[in-house]
N, C-alpha and C. Protein backbone atom coordinates (compact mmCIF):
# COMPACT_ATOMS: atom_id res chain seq x y z
N MET A 1 57.36 75.14 -89.03
CA MET A 1 57.94 73.99 -89.72
C MET A 1 59.46 74.01 -89.49
N ARG A 2 60.02 72.86 -89.25
CA ARG A 2 61.45 72.72 -89.01
C ARG A 2 62.24 72.90 -90.29
N ASP A 3 63.38 73.57 -90.18
CA ASP A 3 64.27 73.73 -91.34
C ASP A 3 64.77 72.36 -91.79
N THR A 4 65.00 72.23 -93.10
CA THR A 4 65.43 70.95 -93.66
C THR A 4 66.63 71.16 -94.57
N VAL A 5 67.61 70.28 -94.45
CA VAL A 5 68.75 70.27 -95.38
C VAL A 5 68.73 68.94 -96.12
N PHE A 6 68.82 69.03 -97.43
CA PHE A 6 68.95 67.85 -98.28
C PHE A 6 70.40 67.75 -98.73
N VAL A 7 71.00 66.60 -98.52
CA VAL A 7 72.34 66.32 -99.03
C VAL A 7 72.15 65.54 -100.32
N PHE A 8 72.55 66.14 -101.43
CA PHE A 8 72.42 65.48 -102.73
C PHE A 8 73.64 64.60 -102.97
N ALA A 9 73.38 63.32 -103.27
CA ALA A 9 74.49 62.39 -103.45
C ALA A 9 74.13 61.28 -104.42
N ARG A 10 75.17 60.78 -105.06
CA ARG A 10 75.06 59.52 -105.81
C ARG A 10 75.36 58.41 -104.82
N ALA A 11 74.68 57.30 -105.01
CA ALA A 11 74.98 56.13 -104.18
C ALA A 11 76.43 55.74 -104.40
N PRO A 12 77.15 55.41 -103.34
CA PRO A 12 78.57 55.07 -103.47
C PRO A 12 78.77 53.69 -104.10
N ARG A 13 78.92 53.70 -105.40
CA ARG A 13 79.12 52.46 -106.16
C ARG A 13 80.34 52.60 -107.05
N LEU A 14 81.15 51.58 -107.08
CA LEU A 14 82.36 51.57 -107.88
C LEU A 14 82.03 51.85 -109.35
N GLY A 15 82.69 52.83 -109.91
CA GLY A 15 82.50 53.19 -111.31
C GLY A 15 81.33 54.12 -111.57
N ALA A 16 80.54 54.44 -110.54
CA ALA A 16 79.35 55.27 -110.73
C ALA A 16 79.48 56.66 -110.13
N VAL A 17 80.58 56.92 -109.41
CA VAL A 17 80.74 58.22 -108.75
C VAL A 17 82.05 58.87 -109.20
N LYS A 18 82.03 60.19 -109.22
CA LYS A 18 83.24 60.99 -109.51
C LYS A 18 83.98 60.44 -110.73
N ARG A 19 83.28 60.30 -111.84
CA ARG A 19 83.86 59.65 -113.03
C ARG A 19 85.05 60.41 -113.60
N ARG A 20 84.98 61.75 -113.64
CA ARG A 20 86.13 62.51 -114.15
C ARG A 20 87.35 62.30 -113.26
N LEU A 21 87.15 62.33 -111.98
CA LEU A 21 88.23 62.08 -111.03
C LEU A 21 88.74 60.65 -111.17
N ALA A 22 87.84 59.71 -111.34
CA ALA A 22 88.22 58.29 -111.46
C ALA A 22 89.11 58.04 -112.67
N ARG A 23 88.90 58.77 -113.76
CA ARG A 23 89.75 58.58 -114.94
C ARG A 23 91.21 58.90 -114.63
N GLU A 24 91.44 59.75 -113.65
CA GLU A 24 92.81 60.17 -113.33
C GLU A 24 93.40 59.42 -112.13
N ILE A 25 92.58 59.06 -111.15
CA ILE A 25 93.15 58.43 -109.95
C ILE A 25 92.67 57.00 -109.74
N GLY A 26 91.76 56.54 -110.59
CA GLY A 26 91.23 55.18 -110.47
C GLY A 26 89.86 55.17 -109.80
N ALA A 27 89.06 54.20 -110.20
CA ALA A 27 87.68 54.11 -109.71
C ALA A 27 87.62 53.86 -108.20
N ARG A 28 88.50 53.01 -107.67
CA ARG A 28 88.49 52.71 -106.23
C ARG A 28 88.83 53.95 -105.41
N ALA A 29 89.86 54.69 -105.81
CA ALA A 29 90.25 55.90 -105.08
C ALA A 29 89.15 56.96 -105.16
N ALA A 30 88.50 57.09 -106.32
CA ALA A 30 87.41 58.06 -106.46
C ALA A 30 86.23 57.67 -105.57
N LEU A 31 85.92 56.37 -105.52
CA LEU A 31 84.84 55.89 -104.65
C LEU A 31 85.18 56.18 -103.19
N ASP A 32 86.41 55.90 -102.78
CA ASP A 32 86.83 56.16 -101.40
C ASP A 32 86.70 57.64 -101.06
N PHE A 33 87.12 58.51 -101.99
CA PHE A 33 86.99 59.96 -101.78
C PHE A 33 85.52 60.33 -101.61
N HIS A 34 84.68 59.85 -102.50
CA HIS A 34 83.25 60.18 -102.46
C HIS A 34 82.63 59.73 -101.14
N ARG A 35 82.87 58.49 -100.78
CA ARG A 35 82.28 57.93 -99.56
C ARG A 35 82.77 58.68 -98.31
N THR A 36 84.06 58.93 -98.23
CA THR A 36 84.63 59.62 -97.07
C THR A 36 84.06 61.03 -96.94
N THR A 37 83.99 61.75 -98.05
CA THR A 37 83.48 63.11 -98.03
C THR A 37 82.00 63.14 -97.65
N MET A 38 81.22 62.24 -98.23
CA MET A 38 79.79 62.17 -97.94
C MET A 38 79.54 61.83 -96.47
N ILE A 39 80.23 60.84 -95.96
CA ILE A 39 80.00 60.42 -94.57
C ILE A 39 80.42 61.51 -93.59
N ALA A 40 81.52 62.18 -93.86
CA ALA A 40 81.96 63.26 -92.97
C ALA A 40 80.90 64.36 -92.90
N LEU A 41 80.35 64.73 -94.04
CA LEU A 41 79.32 65.76 -94.06
C LEU A 41 78.07 65.28 -93.34
N LEU A 42 77.62 64.06 -93.62
CA LEU A 42 76.42 63.54 -92.98
C LEU A 42 76.57 63.44 -91.47
N ARG A 43 77.74 63.03 -91.00
CA ARG A 43 77.97 62.95 -89.55
C ARG A 43 77.84 64.32 -88.90
N GLY A 44 78.46 65.32 -89.53
CA GLY A 44 78.38 66.67 -88.98
C GLY A 44 76.96 67.20 -88.96
N LEU A 45 76.22 66.95 -90.03
CA LEU A 45 74.84 67.44 -90.11
C LEU A 45 73.93 66.69 -89.15
N ALA A 46 74.11 65.38 -89.03
CA ALA A 46 73.27 64.58 -88.15
C ALA A 46 73.43 64.99 -86.69
N ALA A 47 74.58 65.52 -86.34
CA ALA A 47 74.83 65.96 -84.97
C ALA A 47 74.07 67.25 -84.63
N GLN A 48 73.60 67.95 -85.64
CA GLN A 48 72.86 69.19 -85.43
C GLN A 48 71.40 68.90 -85.11
N ARG A 49 70.86 69.58 -84.16
CA ARG A 49 69.44 69.42 -83.82
C ARG A 49 68.62 70.63 -84.30
N ARG A 50 69.28 71.58 -84.94
CA ARG A 50 68.61 72.80 -85.40
C ARG A 50 67.79 72.57 -86.66
N PHE A 51 68.08 71.51 -87.37
CA PHE A 51 67.39 71.23 -88.63
C PHE A 51 67.34 69.73 -88.86
N ARG A 52 66.47 69.35 -89.79
CA ARG A 52 66.31 67.96 -90.18
C ARG A 52 67.22 67.69 -91.37
N THR A 53 67.93 66.58 -91.36
CA THR A 53 68.84 66.21 -92.46
C THR A 53 68.25 65.03 -93.23
N VAL A 54 68.24 65.19 -94.56
CA VAL A 54 67.71 64.16 -95.44
C VAL A 54 68.73 63.90 -96.55
N LEU A 55 69.01 62.65 -96.82
CA LEU A 55 69.90 62.27 -97.91
C LEU A 55 69.05 62.04 -99.15
N ALA A 56 69.27 62.85 -100.20
CA ALA A 56 68.55 62.72 -101.47
C ALA A 56 69.46 61.95 -102.42
N LEU A 57 69.04 60.74 -102.77
CA LEU A 57 69.90 59.80 -103.50
C LEU A 57 69.51 59.60 -104.95
N THR A 58 70.52 59.32 -105.72
CA THR A 58 70.36 58.78 -107.06
C THR A 58 71.37 57.65 -107.20
N PRO A 59 71.03 56.53 -107.82
CA PRO A 59 69.71 56.19 -108.33
C PRO A 59 68.70 56.03 -107.20
N ASP A 60 67.44 56.16 -107.57
CA ASP A 60 66.37 56.24 -106.58
C ASP A 60 66.27 55.05 -105.65
N ARG A 61 66.52 53.86 -106.13
CA ARG A 61 66.33 52.65 -105.31
C ARG A 61 67.62 52.18 -104.63
N ALA A 62 68.62 53.00 -104.62
CA ALA A 62 69.92 52.62 -104.05
C ALA A 62 69.80 52.33 -102.56
N ARG A 63 70.45 51.29 -102.13
CA ARG A 63 70.51 50.92 -100.71
C ARG A 63 71.96 50.62 -100.37
N PHE A 64 72.41 51.19 -99.28
CA PHE A 64 73.75 50.93 -98.78
C PHE A 64 73.80 51.36 -97.32
N PRO A 65 74.68 50.74 -96.55
CA PRO A 65 74.76 51.08 -95.13
C PRO A 65 75.46 52.42 -94.90
N LEU A 66 75.03 53.11 -93.87
CA LEU A 66 75.66 54.36 -93.44
C LEU A 66 75.93 54.27 -91.94
N PRO A 67 76.99 54.91 -91.46
CA PRO A 67 77.28 54.88 -90.03
C PRO A 67 76.45 55.88 -89.22
N VAL A 68 75.54 56.60 -89.87
CA VAL A 68 74.65 57.55 -89.19
C VAL A 68 73.21 57.29 -89.63
N ARG A 69 72.26 57.61 -88.76
CA ARG A 69 70.85 57.45 -89.11
C ARG A 69 70.36 58.72 -89.78
N ILE A 70 70.01 58.59 -91.03
CA ILE A 70 69.57 59.73 -91.84
C ILE A 70 68.36 59.28 -92.67
N SER A 71 67.35 60.13 -92.74
CA SER A 71 66.23 59.85 -93.65
C SER A 71 66.75 59.91 -95.08
N ARG A 72 66.13 59.11 -95.95
CA ARG A 72 66.53 59.07 -97.35
C ARG A 72 65.31 59.29 -98.24
N VAL A 73 65.53 60.01 -99.33
CA VAL A 73 64.48 60.19 -100.34
C VAL A 73 65.13 60.04 -101.71
N PRO A 74 64.37 59.60 -102.69
CA PRO A 74 64.92 59.54 -104.06
C PRO A 74 64.97 60.93 -104.68
N GLN A 75 65.97 61.16 -105.52
CA GLN A 75 66.03 62.43 -106.25
C GLN A 75 65.02 62.45 -107.40
N GLY A 76 64.73 61.31 -107.98
CA GLY A 76 63.82 61.26 -109.11
C GLY A 76 64.54 61.55 -110.42
N SER A 77 63.76 61.70 -111.48
CA SER A 77 64.33 61.87 -112.81
C SER A 77 64.50 63.35 -113.16
N GLY A 78 65.14 63.58 -114.30
CA GLY A 78 65.34 64.94 -114.79
C GLY A 78 66.73 65.45 -114.53
N ASP A 79 66.98 66.67 -115.01
CA ASP A 79 68.29 67.27 -114.78
C ASP A 79 68.42 67.70 -113.32
N LEU A 80 69.57 68.21 -112.96
CA LEU A 80 69.82 68.60 -111.57
C LEU A 80 68.79 69.61 -111.08
N GLY A 81 68.43 70.57 -111.92
CA GLY A 81 67.45 71.57 -111.52
C GLY A 81 66.09 70.97 -111.19
N ALA A 82 65.64 70.02 -112.01
CA ALA A 82 64.35 69.36 -111.76
C ALA A 82 64.41 68.57 -110.46
N ARG A 83 65.52 67.92 -110.22
CA ARG A 83 65.66 67.12 -109.00
C ARG A 83 65.72 68.01 -107.76
N MET A 84 66.43 69.15 -107.86
CA MET A 84 66.49 70.07 -106.71
C MET A 84 65.12 70.70 -106.46
N GLN A 85 64.42 71.09 -107.52
CA GLN A 85 63.08 71.66 -107.37
C GLN A 85 62.16 70.67 -106.67
N ARG A 86 62.26 69.40 -107.04
CA ARG A 86 61.44 68.35 -106.43
C ARG A 86 61.74 68.24 -104.93
N ALA A 87 63.01 68.28 -104.57
CA ALA A 87 63.37 68.21 -103.15
C ALA A 87 62.82 69.40 -102.39
N MET A 88 62.98 70.59 -102.97
CA MET A 88 62.49 71.79 -102.29
C MET A 88 60.97 71.77 -102.15
N ALA A 89 60.27 71.18 -103.09
CA ALA A 89 58.81 71.11 -103.02
C ALA A 89 58.34 70.25 -101.85
N ARG A 90 59.21 69.39 -101.34
CA ARG A 90 58.86 68.56 -100.17
C ARG A 90 58.73 69.41 -98.91
N VAL A 91 59.30 70.62 -98.93
CA VAL A 91 59.26 71.53 -97.78
C VAL A 91 58.58 72.81 -98.25
N ARG A 92 57.28 72.84 -98.15
CA ARG A 92 56.53 73.97 -98.71
C ARG A 92 56.59 75.22 -97.85
N ARG A 93 56.58 75.07 -96.54
CA ARG A 93 56.48 76.25 -95.68
C ARG A 93 57.78 76.64 -95.01
N GLY A 94 58.66 75.70 -94.79
CA GLY A 94 59.88 76.00 -94.06
C GLY A 94 61.02 76.42 -94.97
N ARG A 95 62.13 76.70 -94.34
CA ARG A 95 63.34 77.03 -95.09
C ARG A 95 64.04 75.73 -95.46
N VAL A 96 64.67 75.73 -96.62
CA VAL A 96 65.30 74.51 -97.11
C VAL A 96 66.66 74.83 -97.71
N VAL A 97 67.61 73.96 -97.46
CA VAL A 97 68.96 74.06 -98.01
C VAL A 97 69.27 72.76 -98.72
N ILE A 98 69.93 72.88 -99.86
CA ILE A 98 70.47 71.72 -100.57
C ILE A 98 71.97 71.89 -100.62
N VAL A 99 72.69 70.85 -100.26
CA VAL A 99 74.15 70.90 -100.28
C VAL A 99 74.66 69.65 -101.01
N GLY A 100 75.69 69.85 -101.81
CA GLY A 100 76.32 68.73 -102.49
C GLY A 100 77.25 68.00 -101.54
N CYS A 101 77.54 66.75 -101.85
CA CYS A 101 78.38 65.96 -100.94
C CYS A 101 79.81 65.83 -101.43
N ASP A 102 80.19 66.53 -102.50
CA ASP A 102 81.56 66.38 -103.02
C ASP A 102 82.44 67.60 -102.76
N ILE A 103 82.12 68.33 -101.71
CA ILE A 103 82.89 69.51 -101.32
C ILE A 103 83.54 69.19 -99.97
N PRO A 104 84.79 68.77 -99.96
CA PRO A 104 85.42 68.32 -98.71
C PRO A 104 85.46 69.38 -97.61
N ASP A 105 85.46 70.66 -97.97
CA ASP A 105 85.53 71.71 -96.95
C ASP A 105 84.16 72.15 -96.44
N ALA A 106 83.08 71.62 -96.99
CA ALA A 106 81.74 71.97 -96.52
C ALA A 106 81.53 71.36 -95.13
N ARG A 107 80.96 72.15 -94.25
CA ARG A 107 80.76 71.72 -92.86
C ARG A 107 79.33 72.00 -92.43
N ALA A 108 78.94 71.36 -91.35
CA ALA A 108 77.62 71.63 -90.76
C ALA A 108 77.51 73.11 -90.40
N ALA A 109 78.59 73.73 -89.99
CA ALA A 109 78.56 75.16 -89.64
C ALA A 109 78.16 76.01 -90.85
N ASP A 110 78.50 75.57 -92.05
CA ASP A 110 78.09 76.30 -93.25
C ASP A 110 76.57 76.24 -93.42
N VAL A 111 75.98 75.10 -93.12
CA VAL A 111 74.53 74.95 -93.23
C VAL A 111 73.84 75.78 -92.15
N VAL A 112 74.38 75.78 -90.94
CA VAL A 112 73.86 76.63 -89.87
C VAL A 112 73.89 78.09 -90.32
N GLN A 113 75.01 78.52 -90.91
CA GLN A 113 75.13 79.89 -91.41
C GLN A 113 74.12 80.16 -92.53
N ALA A 114 73.88 79.19 -93.39
CA ALA A 114 72.91 79.36 -94.47
C ALA A 114 71.52 79.62 -93.91
N PHE A 115 71.11 78.84 -92.93
CA PHE A 115 69.79 79.05 -92.33
C PHE A 115 69.73 80.40 -91.60
N ARG A 116 70.79 80.77 -90.95
CA ARG A 116 70.84 82.07 -90.28
C ARG A 116 70.68 83.19 -91.32
N THR A 117 71.38 83.05 -92.44
CA THR A 117 71.32 84.04 -93.51
C THR A 117 69.92 84.13 -94.11
N LEU A 118 69.22 83.01 -94.18
CA LEU A 118 67.86 83.00 -94.72
C LEU A 118 66.88 83.76 -93.83
N GLY A 119 67.32 84.16 -92.65
CA GLY A 119 66.49 85.01 -91.80
C GLY A 119 66.37 86.42 -92.35
N ARG A 120 67.29 86.81 -93.23
CA ARG A 120 67.28 88.17 -93.80
C ARG A 120 67.38 88.18 -95.32
N ALA A 121 67.41 87.00 -95.95
CA ALA A 121 67.50 86.92 -97.41
C ALA A 121 66.50 85.88 -97.91
N ASP A 122 66.12 86.02 -99.17
CA ASP A 122 65.21 85.05 -99.79
C ASP A 122 65.95 83.80 -100.26
N ALA A 123 67.24 83.99 -100.57
CA ALA A 123 68.05 82.87 -101.06
C ALA A 123 69.48 83.06 -100.62
N VAL A 124 70.17 81.94 -100.47
CA VAL A 124 71.59 81.97 -100.13
C VAL A 124 72.30 80.93 -100.99
N PHE A 125 73.49 81.30 -101.47
CA PHE A 125 74.29 80.40 -102.30
C PHE A 125 75.68 80.26 -101.72
N GLY A 126 76.22 79.07 -101.84
CA GLY A 126 77.61 78.80 -101.54
C GLY A 126 78.32 78.65 -102.88
N PRO A 127 78.98 79.69 -103.37
CA PRO A 127 79.61 79.61 -104.69
C PRO A 127 80.78 78.63 -104.71
N ALA A 128 80.97 78.00 -105.85
CA ALA A 128 82.13 77.13 -106.08
C ALA A 128 83.11 77.90 -106.96
N GLU A 129 84.37 77.57 -106.84
CA GLU A 129 85.41 78.27 -107.61
C GLU A 129 85.22 78.13 -109.11
N ASP A 130 84.54 77.07 -109.55
CA ASP A 130 84.41 76.81 -110.98
C ASP A 130 83.19 77.49 -111.63
N GLY A 131 82.49 78.36 -110.88
CA GLY A 131 81.34 79.06 -111.43
C GLY A 131 80.01 78.44 -111.08
N GLY A 132 80.03 77.30 -110.42
CA GLY A 132 78.81 76.66 -109.96
C GLY A 132 78.53 77.03 -108.51
N TYR A 133 77.83 76.16 -107.83
CA TYR A 133 77.61 76.37 -106.40
C TYR A 133 77.46 75.04 -105.70
N TRP A 134 77.90 75.03 -104.44
CA TRP A 134 77.89 73.81 -103.65
C TRP A 134 76.72 73.77 -102.67
N LEU A 135 76.06 74.91 -102.50
CA LEU A 135 74.93 75.01 -101.58
C LEU A 135 73.95 76.03 -102.13
N VAL A 136 72.67 75.73 -101.98
CA VAL A 136 71.62 76.70 -102.27
C VAL A 136 70.58 76.56 -101.16
N GLY A 137 70.12 77.69 -100.67
CA GLY A 137 69.09 77.70 -99.65
C GLY A 137 68.00 78.68 -100.02
N LEU A 138 66.77 78.31 -99.73
CA LEU A 138 65.64 79.19 -100.05
C LEU A 138 64.72 79.35 -98.85
N ALA A 139 64.27 80.58 -98.67
CA ALA A 139 63.25 80.88 -97.67
C ALA A 139 61.90 80.44 -98.24
N PRO A 140 60.84 80.49 -97.45
CA PRO A 140 59.54 80.05 -97.96
C PRO A 140 59.03 80.82 -99.19
N ARG A 141 59.37 82.09 -99.33
CA ARG A 141 58.96 82.86 -100.50
C ARG A 141 59.97 82.62 -101.62
N ARG A 142 59.58 81.73 -102.55
CA ARG A 142 60.53 81.26 -103.58
C ARG A 142 60.03 81.59 -104.98
N PRO A 143 60.96 81.74 -105.91
CA PRO A 143 60.52 81.87 -107.31
C PRO A 143 59.84 80.57 -107.75
N ALA A 144 58.95 80.68 -108.72
CA ALA A 144 58.23 79.49 -109.20
C ALA A 144 59.18 78.47 -109.82
N HIS A 145 60.21 78.94 -110.52
CA HIS A 145 61.15 78.05 -111.20
C HIS A 145 62.59 78.51 -110.91
N PRO A 146 63.08 78.25 -109.72
CA PRO A 146 64.40 78.77 -109.33
C PRO A 146 65.57 78.18 -110.13
N PHE A 147 65.37 77.02 -110.77
CA PHE A 147 66.48 76.36 -111.46
C PHE A 147 66.23 76.21 -112.96
N ALA A 148 65.41 77.09 -113.52
CA ALA A 148 65.09 77.02 -114.95
C ALA A 148 66.24 77.58 -115.79
N ALA A 149 66.45 76.98 -116.94
CA ALA A 149 67.42 77.46 -117.94
C ALA A 149 68.85 77.60 -117.39
N VAL A 150 69.25 76.64 -116.57
CA VAL A 150 70.61 76.65 -116.01
C VAL A 150 71.48 75.69 -116.81
N ARG A 151 72.65 76.17 -117.17
CA ARG A 151 73.62 75.31 -117.86
C ARG A 151 74.45 74.62 -116.78
N TRP A 152 73.97 73.44 -116.38
CA TRP A 152 74.61 72.69 -115.29
C TRP A 152 75.99 72.21 -115.68
N SER A 153 76.85 72.08 -114.68
CA SER A 153 78.23 71.59 -114.86
C SER A 153 79.03 72.49 -115.79
N THR A 154 78.73 73.77 -115.77
CA THR A 154 79.52 74.75 -116.52
C THR A 154 79.85 75.92 -115.59
N MET A 155 80.70 76.80 -116.08
CA MET A 155 81.06 77.98 -115.30
C MET A 155 79.91 79.00 -115.24
N HIS A 156 78.80 78.71 -115.90
CA HIS A 156 77.65 79.61 -115.94
C HIS A 156 76.54 79.22 -114.96
N ALA A 157 76.69 78.11 -114.26
CA ALA A 157 75.59 77.58 -113.45
C ALA A 157 75.09 78.58 -112.40
N LEU A 158 75.99 79.21 -111.66
CA LEU A 158 75.56 80.16 -110.64
C LEU A 158 74.91 81.39 -111.29
N ALA A 159 75.54 81.95 -112.30
CA ALA A 159 74.99 83.13 -112.97
C ALA A 159 73.62 82.84 -113.57
N ASP A 160 73.47 81.69 -114.20
CA ASP A 160 72.18 81.31 -114.78
C ASP A 160 71.11 81.20 -113.69
N THR A 161 71.46 80.61 -112.57
CA THR A 161 70.50 80.45 -111.47
C THR A 161 70.13 81.81 -110.89
N LEU A 162 71.12 82.67 -110.71
CA LEU A 162 70.85 84.00 -110.15
C LEU A 162 69.89 84.80 -111.02
N ALA A 163 69.89 84.55 -112.31
CA ALA A 163 68.96 85.24 -113.22
C ALA A 163 67.50 84.93 -112.86
N ASN A 164 67.27 83.81 -112.21
CA ASN A 164 65.92 83.44 -111.78
C ASN A 164 65.51 84.11 -110.47
N PHE A 165 66.41 84.87 -109.88
CA PHE A 165 66.16 85.50 -108.58
C PHE A 165 66.11 87.02 -108.66
N THR A 166 65.82 87.56 -109.82
CA THR A 166 65.71 89.00 -110.00
C THR A 166 64.64 89.54 -109.04
N GLY A 167 65.00 90.61 -108.34
CA GLY A 167 64.07 91.23 -107.39
C GLY A 167 64.02 90.55 -106.03
N ARG A 168 64.84 89.55 -105.82
CA ARG A 168 64.88 88.83 -104.53
C ARG A 168 66.16 89.21 -103.79
N ARG A 169 66.10 89.10 -102.48
CA ARG A 169 67.30 89.34 -101.67
C ARG A 169 68.14 88.06 -101.67
N VAL A 170 69.35 88.17 -102.20
CA VAL A 170 70.25 87.02 -102.34
C VAL A 170 71.52 87.29 -101.54
N ALA A 171 71.98 86.28 -100.81
CA ALA A 171 73.21 86.38 -100.02
C ALA A 171 74.13 85.23 -100.42
N PHE A 172 75.40 85.37 -100.03
CA PHE A 172 76.40 84.37 -100.39
C PHE A 172 77.20 83.93 -99.18
N LEU A 173 77.53 82.66 -99.16
CA LEU A 173 78.45 82.10 -98.17
C LEU A 173 79.85 82.13 -98.77
N ARG A 174 80.78 81.46 -98.11
CA ARG A 174 82.15 81.42 -98.61
C ARG A 174 82.25 80.59 -99.89
N THR A 175 83.23 80.92 -100.69
CA THR A 175 83.49 80.19 -101.93
C THR A 175 84.37 78.99 -101.61
N LEU A 176 83.94 77.82 -102.09
CA LEU A 176 84.69 76.59 -101.86
C LEU A 176 85.01 75.91 -103.19
N ARG A 177 85.91 74.96 -103.12
CA ARG A 177 86.33 74.21 -104.30
C ARG A 177 85.70 72.83 -104.28
N ASP A 178 85.08 72.47 -105.39
CA ASP A 178 84.62 71.08 -105.50
C ASP A 178 85.74 70.28 -106.17
N VAL A 179 85.69 69.00 -106.00
CA VAL A 179 86.76 68.14 -106.48
C VAL A 179 86.22 67.32 -107.65
N ASP A 180 86.67 67.68 -108.85
CA ASP A 180 86.28 66.96 -110.06
C ASP A 180 87.46 66.28 -110.74
N THR A 181 88.67 66.77 -110.46
CA THR A 181 89.87 66.26 -111.13
C THR A 181 90.97 65.99 -110.10
N ALA A 182 92.01 65.31 -110.56
CA ALA A 182 93.16 65.04 -109.68
C ALA A 182 93.83 66.35 -109.29
N SER A 183 93.84 67.31 -110.18
CA SER A 183 94.42 68.63 -109.87
C SER A 183 93.64 69.30 -108.73
N ASP A 184 92.31 69.21 -108.76
CA ASP A 184 91.48 69.75 -107.68
C ASP A 184 91.83 69.08 -106.36
N LEU A 185 92.01 67.77 -106.40
CA LEU A 185 92.33 67.01 -105.20
C LEU A 185 93.70 67.41 -104.65
N ARG A 186 94.68 67.55 -105.54
CA ARG A 186 96.02 67.98 -105.10
C ARG A 186 95.97 69.38 -104.48
N SER A 187 95.23 70.28 -105.09
CA SER A 187 95.11 71.66 -104.56
C SER A 187 94.48 71.64 -103.18
N LEU A 188 93.50 70.81 -103.00
CA LEU A 188 92.82 70.69 -101.72
C LEU A 188 93.77 70.18 -100.65
N ARG A 189 94.53 69.18 -100.99
CA ARG A 189 95.46 68.57 -100.02
C ARG A 189 96.67 69.45 -99.77
N GLY A 190 96.98 70.31 -100.74
CA GLY A 190 98.14 71.19 -100.60
C GLY A 190 97.82 72.35 -99.72
């Protein structure tokens, strides 16, 4: 089975993306940031032939043009963990990676490295500076509930998720910064 990467994203709609960032820099600037970051990541991933790239969208029925040809699937309902579990269940036998689209420094090379790492680990995480993670990858041998009891959008998200991987071989990629505030954006540009 071919490796699969799911890019988790909100449909690029004014006022519906990067709301915390939008409060500080304006809804139009936040939308532009979201769209630019998402498209850059999708272009890099689509150029790879080593794995299949799928855009996992919310809201489920969202339609918008993209400059690259990418398969799309709905994320469905529930918290982030339920939606990620649903995406991973679409790939029962192969290796699967989920990557967020709001990490400007995330590259296709990071996903290539994640799949390479899954050759010797059961799971791989790309930690975020705020205690969460921007990437998670799982080999075919997975815990039944890898995202159970996670306090999403907190500094505990990675630690809570790792608690579900006791007894598994876990590896880590580089730590990156996600952009939630104007301060995050300034730090990134600086």
